[in-house]
C-alpha cells in the first residue's frame, strides 16, 4: 500500500516520535501505543507515549504501561502519531498538537474510526473503518515493515483486538480478525493473561455497581435496554469510573434489546453515556455525534451536562 511506504519514509527520516491515544483509554488505544512504541524504540529513535487520562488498572499487566505520560512534552517532536482517536477532541491535546504542527511536526493518523476532523490536519492518514481495531491495522503495518513481533508486541496488539471485538463475541469478529489473533498467538501473545485481567477478573466495587444498574434495568418498547448510575452509587460502592467499564456490554445481552444505553454521573459533574448495538442496520455513532460524542457504528459514547434527580419515582436529568 502506498501509504505504508509513506509511513516507512517518515519513520526512516526522523528520530523523535510522540504517540498519542485517546481520552478514557481502552485496550485498543493502550495496546496500540505500547506495540508501536516497542517497534519504534528498537532503533536509536526517541519515542514517547501520551494519554490524557489515567490508565485503567485492568491494563496495568501490559509491559511498558508505566512509561506512558500524561504531560505533553515541552520539546516539539518531529513526528506525532495519533492512534485510535475518533476525532481531534478525543486526544485531549488538540491545542498542543496544532501548535506542534505549526512548528513543523508531522502528523500521522492511524485509526479505524469513520472519517473525522483529524483527516483535515494530518499529513498522512492510514485509516480503514472496516478493520476491527487500530491494533489490527498496526499488525499489518508492522508486518509490512518486516519487524519481528515478539511476545510483548503480540500481547499488546491482541489486547486491542480482544477489546474492540468484545472478546471475539461482537459481529466485527471477521475471518481476518481471527487470522490476526491466531498469528499473534503464534508470536507469543498471552490471551489467558488478557482475558484474566480484562474480562474475567472483576472488583467487588464493580460487581456492586452491576447489581445496582441491573436492578434499574429497563427495556423500552423500541428495544432500548437502559440503566443509570449516580455519583452516589459509585461513591457508596467505593468505586471509580474504571469499575463502570464493561457494564454497557452486559446490558446489551438482553435478547430483545436492539440498543444498550448506560448513563452514569462522573466526578467532574457531568453525565457520560455509553452506547452499544449488535444490529447491522443501526448506526449508534450518529446519535453519539448529535450529543457531542463519537465512536463506531456499533460502539459509541458521549458526555452531556447535567445530573440525575429522582422525581415521582423516576430518574430525570436536570
Protein backbone atom coordinates (compact mmCIF):
# COMPACT_ATOMS: atom_id res chain seq x y z
CA UNK A 1 0.00 0.00 0.00
CA UNK A 2 1.29 3.43 -0.95
CA UNK A 3 0.56 4.92 2.49
CA UNK A 4 2.60 2.17 4.15
CA UNK A 5 5.58 3.26 2.09
CA UNK A 6 4.97 6.92 3.04
CA UNK A 7 4.88 5.95 6.73
CA UNK A 8 8.11 4.00 6.43
CA UNK A 9 9.75 7.02 4.78
CA UNK A 10 8.62 9.27 7.65
CA UNK A 11 9.96 6.77 10.20
CA UNK A 12 13.28 6.40 8.38
CA UNK A 13 13.83 10.15 8.06
CA UNK A 14 13.02 11.17 11.65
CA UNK A 15 14.26 10.35 15.16
CA UNK A 16 11.84 11.94 17.66
CA UNK A 17 8.31 10.48 17.89
CA UNK A 18 5.30 11.14 20.11
CA UNK A 19 2.47 8.58 20.19
CA UNK A 20 -0.93 9.81 21.42
CA UNK A 21 -4.00 7.73 22.26
CA UNK A 22 -7.47 8.91 23.22
CA UNK A 23 -9.15 10.11 26.42
CA UNK A 24 -10.67 7.40 28.63
CA UNK A 25 -8.23 4.91 27.09
CA UNK A 26 -9.31 1.35 26.33
CA UNK A 27 -7.45 -1.79 25.32
CA UNK A 28 -7.12 -0.78 21.68
CA UNK A 29 -5.73 2.67 22.46
CA UNK A 30 -3.29 1.41 25.10
CA UNK A 31 -2.31 -1.67 23.09
CA UNK A 32 -1.62 0.48 20.03
CA UNK A 33 0.67 2.81 21.97
CA UNK A 34 2.64 0.02 23.61
CA UNK A 35 3.02 -2.07 20.46
CA UNK A 36 4.20 0.77 18.21
CA UNK A 37 6.42 2.18 20.94
CA UNK A 38 8.15 -1.20 21.21
CA UNK A 39 8.61 -1.30 17.44
CA UNK A 40 9.95 2.24 17.04
CA UNK A 41 12.18 2.06 20.12
CA UNK A 42 14.25 -0.79 18.70
CA UNK A 43 16.46 1.69 16.90
CA UNK A 44 18.06 4.85 18.24
CA UNK A 45 14.78 6.76 17.92
CA UNK A 46 13.39 8.72 20.85
CA UNK A 47 9.78 7.67 21.43
CA UNK A 48 7.28 8.98 23.98
CA UNK A 49 3.74 7.85 24.71
CA UNK A 50 0.94 10.12 25.87
CA UNK A 51 -2.58 9.67 27.29
CA UNK A 52 -4.68 12.45 28.79
CA UNK A 53 -6.41 10.23 31.36
CA UNK A 54 -5.11 7.61 33.74
CA UNK A 55 -4.81 4.03 32.58
CA UNK A 56 -7.48 1.65 33.94
CA UNK A 57 -5.97 -0.83 36.38
CA UNK A 58 -7.09 -3.79 34.25
CA UNK A 59 -4.38 -2.86 31.72
CA UNK A 60 -1.53 -2.49 34.21
CA UNK A 61 -0.36 -6.02 33.36
CA UNK A 62 0.88 -4.85 29.94
CA UNK A 63 4.64 -4.37 29.64
CA UNK A 64 5.71 -0.74 29.32
CA UNK A 65 2.47 0.77 30.58
CA UNK A 66 4.39 2.66 33.29
CA UNK A 67 6.21 4.63 30.55
CA UNK A 68 3.03 6.35 29.33
CA UNK A 69 2.92 10.03 30.33
CA UNK A 70 0.00 12.43 30.75
CA UNK A 71 2.04 15.60 30.12
CA UNK A 72 2.66 16.95 26.63
CA UNK A 73 6.44 17.30 26.11
CA UNK A 74 7.99 20.76 26.10
CA UNK A 75 10.23 19.83 23.16
CA UNK A 76 8.32 19.69 19.88
CA UNK A 77 8.56 16.17 18.44
CA UNK A 78 9.43 15.67 14.79
CA UNK A 79 6.51 13.27 14.31
CA UNK A 80 3.22 12.94 16.20
CA UNK A 81 1.38 9.67 15.59
CA UNK A 82 -2.28 9.68 16.63
CA UNK A 83 -3.51 6.17 17.41
CA UNK A 84 -7.19 5.18 17.70
CA UNK A 85 -8.52 8.73 18.02
CA UNK A 86 -12.11 9.19 16.80
CA UNK A 87 -11.56 12.93 16.43
CA UNK A 88 -9.12 15.64 17.49
CA UNK A 89 -11.04 16.48 20.67
CA UNK A 90 -10.66 12.93 21.95
CA UNK A 91 -6.88 13.25 22.05
CA UNK A 92 -7.23 15.69 24.94
CA UNK A 93 -4.35 17.69 23.47
CA UNK A 94 -5.90 19.49 20.48
CA UNK A 95 -4.23 22.85 21.08
CA UNK A 96 -0.81 21.33 21.76
CA UNK A 97 -0.94 19.14 18.64
CA UNK A 98 -1.94 22.03 16.38
CA UNK A 99 0.78 24.24 17.86
CA UNK A 100 3.37 21.49 17.35
CA UNK A 101 2.30 21.15 13.72
CA UNK A 102 2.74 24.89 13.21
CA UNK A 103 6.28 24.44 14.50
CA UNK A 104 6.98 21.72 11.94
CA UNK A 105 5.76 18.46 13.48
CA UNK A 106 4.47 15.84 11.03
CA UNK A 107 1.05 14.45 11.99
CA UNK A 108 0.27 10.79 11.22
CA UNK A 109 -3.22 9.41 11.82
CA UNK A 110 -3.58 5.62 12.29
CA UNK A 111 -7.16 4.65 13.10
CA UNK A 112 -10.26 2.59 12.33
CA UNK A 113 -12.92 5.22 13.10
CA UNK A 114 -15.01 6.98 10.49
CA UNK A 115 -13.56 9.99 8.67
CA UNK A 116 -13.27 12.93 11.10
CA UNK A 117 -11.55 16.28 11.65
CA UNK A 118 -8.12 14.68 12.12
CA UNK A 119 -8.15 13.86 8.40
CA UNK A 120 -8.03 17.57 7.61
CA UNK A 121 -4.86 18.29 9.55
CA UNK A 122 -2.93 15.01 9.29
CA UNK A 123 -0.02 14.84 6.86
CA UNK A 124 -0.68 11.11 6.45
CA UNK A 125 -3.83 9.07 7.14
CA UNK A 126 -3.68 5.29 7.48
CA UNK A 127 -7.33 4.70 8.28
CA UNK A 128 -9.71 1.87 7.45
CA UNK A 129 -13.02 1.62 9.30
CA UNK A 130 -13.51 -1.92 8.01
CA UNK A 131 -10.86 -3.12 10.44
CA UNK A 132 -11.93 -4.27 13.90
CA UNK A 133 -9.40 -2.15 15.71
CA UNK A 134 -6.40 0.10 15.35
CA UNK A 135 -4.28 -2.79 16.62
CA UNK A 136 -5.39 -4.88 13.64
CA UNK A 137 -4.21 -2.10 11.31
CA UNK A 138 -0.94 -1.81 13.24
CA UNK A 139 -0.31 -5.52 12.89
CA UNK A 140 -0.44 -5.12 9.11
CA UNK A 141 1.82 -2.07 9.27
CA UNK A 142 4.39 -3.83 11.47
CA UNK A 143 4.39 -6.92 9.26
CA UNK A 144 4.85 -4.67 6.22
CA UNK A 145 7.85 -3.09 7.99
CA UNK A 146 9.24 -6.63 8.35
CA UNK A 147 9.80 -6.08 12.06
CA UNK A 148 9.96 -9.19 14.23
CA UNK A 149 6.95 -9.39 16.53
CA UNK A 150 7.86 -10.69 19.98
CA UNK A 151 5.58 -11.74 22.82
CA UNK A 152 5.42 -8.21 24.26
CA UNK A 153 4.26 -6.65 20.98
CA UNK A 154 1.91 -9.54 20.22
CA UNK A 155 0.22 -9.29 23.62
CA UNK A 156 -0.28 -5.53 23.25
CA UNK A 157 -1.82 -5.97 19.79
CA UNK A 158 -4.03 -8.87 20.85
CA UNK A 159 -5.30 -6.75 23.75
CA UNK A 160 -6.63 -4.26 21.20
CA UNK A 161 -8.30 -6.94 19.09
CA UNK A 162 -9.79 -8.57 22.18
CA UNK A 163 -11.11 -5.24 23.48
CA UNK A 164 -12.76 -3.97 20.31
CA UNK A 165 -14.37 -7.29 19.41
CA UNK A 166 -15.77 -7.81 22.90
CA UNK A 167 -13.58 -10.83 23.46
CA UNK A 168 -14.25 -12.04 19.88
CA UNK A 169 -18.02 -12.00 20.50
CA UNK A 170 -19.10 -8.92 18.51
CA UNK A 171 -20.16 -9.03 14.87
CA UNK A 172 -16.88 -7.35 13.80
CA UNK A 173 -15.09 -10.62 14.61
CA UNK A 174 -14.30 -11.45 10.98
CA UNK A 175 -12.18 -14.17 9.44
CA UNK A 176 -9.34 -11.65 9.13
CA UNK A 177 -9.62 -10.82 12.84
CA UNK A 178 -9.40 -14.49 13.83
CA UNK A 179 -6.47 -14.98 11.44
CA UNK A 180 -4.74 -11.98 13.01
CA UNK A 181 -5.39 -13.31 16.51
CA UNK A 182 -4.05 -16.73 15.51
CA UNK A 183 -0.94 -15.09 14.06
CA UNK A 184 -0.38 -13.15 17.30
CA UNK A 185 -0.83 -16.26 19.42
CA UNK A 186 1.88 -17.93 17.34
CA UNK A 187 4.11 -14.94 18.16
CA UNK A 188 3.60 -15.47 21.89
CA UNK A 189 0.58 -13.28 22.71
CA UNK A 190 -0.76 -14.11 26.16
CA UNK A 191 -4.51 -14.47 25.60
CA UNK A 192 -5.12 -16.09 29.01
CA UNK A 193 -3.48 -13.15 30.75
CA UNK A 194 -5.50 -10.68 28.68
CA UNK A 195 -8.77 -12.46 29.49
CA UNK A 196 -7.97 -12.82 33.19
CA UNK A 197 -7.24 -9.11 33.56
CA UNK A 198 -9.83 -7.54 31.27
CA UNK A 199 -12.78 -9.93 31.06
CA UNK A 200 -12.82 -12.44 33.90
CA UNK A 201 -11.47 -10.50 36.88
CA UNK A 202 -13.97 -8.06 38.45
CA UNK A 203 -13.54 -5.95 41.57
CA UNK A 204 -16.07 -6.06 44.41
CA UNK A 205 -16.89 -2.42 43.65
CA UNK A 206 -17.56 -3.27 40.01
CA UNK A 207 -19.93 -6.11 40.92
CA UNK A 208 -21.80 -3.85 43.33
CA UNK A 209 -22.32 -1.30 40.56
CA UNK A 210 -23.50 -4.00 38.19
CA UNK A 211 -26.08 -5.06 40.78
CA UNK A 212 -27.43 -1.51 41.11
CA UNK A 213 -27.53 -0.95 37.35
CA UNK A 214 -29.21 -4.30 36.69
CA UNK A 215 -31.83 -3.56 39.35
CA UNK A 216 -32.68 -0.37 37.43
CA UNK A 217 -32.52 -2.01 34.00
CA UNK A 218 -35.48 -1.27 31.74
CA UNK A 219 -36.21 -2.24 28.13
CA UNK A 220 -38.34 0.14 26.07
CA UNK A 221 -40.96 -0.93 23.54
CA UNK A 222 -38.49 0.15 20.83
CA UNK A 223 -35.88 -2.33 22.07
CA UNK A 224 -33.58 0.01 24.00
CA UNK A 225 -32.17 -1.52 27.18
CA UNK A 226 -31.02 1.22 29.52
CA UNK A 227 -29.92 1.92 33.06
CA UNK A 228 -28.29 4.64 35.14
CA UNK A 229 -25.72 5.05 37.88
CA UNK A 230 -25.49 8.11 40.10
CA UNK A 231 -22.33 9.52 41.62
CA UNK A 232 -23.72 8.45 44.99
CA UNK A 233 -23.94 4.86 43.71
CA UNK A 234 -20.32 4.97 42.59
CA UNK A 235 -19.13 6.59 45.82
CA UNK A 236 -21.08 4.22 48.11
CA UNK A 237 -19.57 1.26 46.27
CA UNK A 238 -16.12 2.82 46.78
CA UNK A 239 -15.73 2.52 43.03
CA UNK A 240 -14.12 4.54 40.27
CA UNK A 241 -15.18 5.20 36.70
CA UNK A 242 -12.94 2.27 35.73
CA UNK A 243 -15.37 -0.02 37.55
CA UNK A 244 -18.18 1.09 35.23
CA UNK A 245 -16.31 -0.28 32.21
CA UNK A 246 -17.95 -3.23 30.50
CA UNK A 247 -21.35 -2.75 32.10
CA UNK A 248 -22.96 -1.46 28.91
CA UNK A 249 -21.93 -4.71 27.18
CA UNK A 250 -23.82 -6.62 29.87
CA UNK A 251 -26.95 -4.55 29.17
CA UNK A 252 -26.51 -5.38 25.50
CA UNK A 253 -27.02 -9.10 26.18
CA UNK A 254 -30.77 -8.73 26.76
CA UNK A 255 -32.34 -10.80 23.90
CA UNK A 256 -34.99 -8.22 22.94
CA UNK A 257 -32.51 -5.34 23.06
CA UNK A 258 -31.53 -3.57 19.83
CA UNK A 259 -29.55 -0.81 21.56
CA UNK A 260 -27.97 -0.71 25.03
CA UNK A 261 -27.50 2.60 26.83
CA UNK A 262 -25.77 3.20 30.15
CA UNK A 263 -25.84 6.70 31.65
CA UNK A 264 -23.68 7.48 34.67
CA UNK A 265 -22.62 10.58 36.57
CA UNK A 266 -18.94 11.47 36.57
CA UNK A 267 -16.78 13.01 39.25
CA UNK A 268 -16.47 16.24 37.24
CA UNK A 269 -20.22 16.88 37.43
CA UNK A 270 -21.35 15.57 34.05
CA UNK A 271 -23.21 12.57 32.67
CA UNK A 272 -21.46 10.12 30.40
CA UNK A 273 -23.37 7.84 28.05
CA UNK A 274 -22.15 4.54 26.58
CA UNK A 275 -23.98 3.01 23.62
CA UNK A 276 -23.74 -0.48 22.14
CA UNK A 277 -25.59 -2.46 19.48
CA UNK A 278 -25.13 -5.70 17.57
CA UNK A 279 -27.58 -4.74 14.83
CA UNK A 280 -26.15 -4.28 11.34
CA UNK A 281 -28.96 -1.84 10.49
CA UNK A 282 -28.32 0.61 13.35
CA UNK A 283 -25.54 3.21 13.49
CA UNK A 284 -25.36 4.49 17.07
CA UNK A 285 -22.43 6.79 16.26
CA UNK A 286 -24.97 9.12 14.61
CA UNK A 287 -26.75 9.62 17.94
CA UNK A 288 -23.44 9.98 19.78
CA UNK A 289 -22.30 12.65 17.30
CA UNK A 290 -25.54 14.59 17.76
CA UNK A 291 -24.84 14.64 21.51
CA UNK A 292 -21.27 15.84 21.00
CA UNK A 293 -19.60 12.45 21.22
CA UNK A 294 -18.48 9.88 18.71
CA UNK A 295 -17.35 6.35 18.14
CA UNK A 296 -18.16 3.47 15.85
CA UNK A 297 -21.33 2.21 14.22
CA UNK A 298 -21.82 -0.34 16.98
CA UNK A 299 -19.95 1.20 19.93
CA UNK A 300 -20.09 4.89 20.77
CA UNK A 301 -20.29 7.34 23.64
CA UNK A 302 -20.95 10.94 24.62
CA UNK A 303 -20.82 13.34 27.57
CA UNK A 304 -23.51 15.88 28.46
CA UNK A 305 -24.03 18.49 31.17
CA UNK A 306 -26.43 17.60 33.98
CA UNK A 307 -27.11 15.32 36.92
CA UNK A 308 -29.74 12.78 37.93
CA UNK A 309 -32.64 13.59 40.20
CA UNK A 310 -35.45 11.27 41.26
CA UNK A 311 -38.87 12.82 40.65
CA UNK A 312 -42.14 10.91 41.17
CA UNK A 313 -40.17 7.67 41.49
CA UNK A 314 -38.49 8.24 38.12
CA UNK A 315 -34.95 9.34 37.32
CA UNK A 316 -34.68 12.59 35.37
CA UNK A 317 -31.72 14.55 34.01
CA UNK A 318 -31.71 18.10 35.37
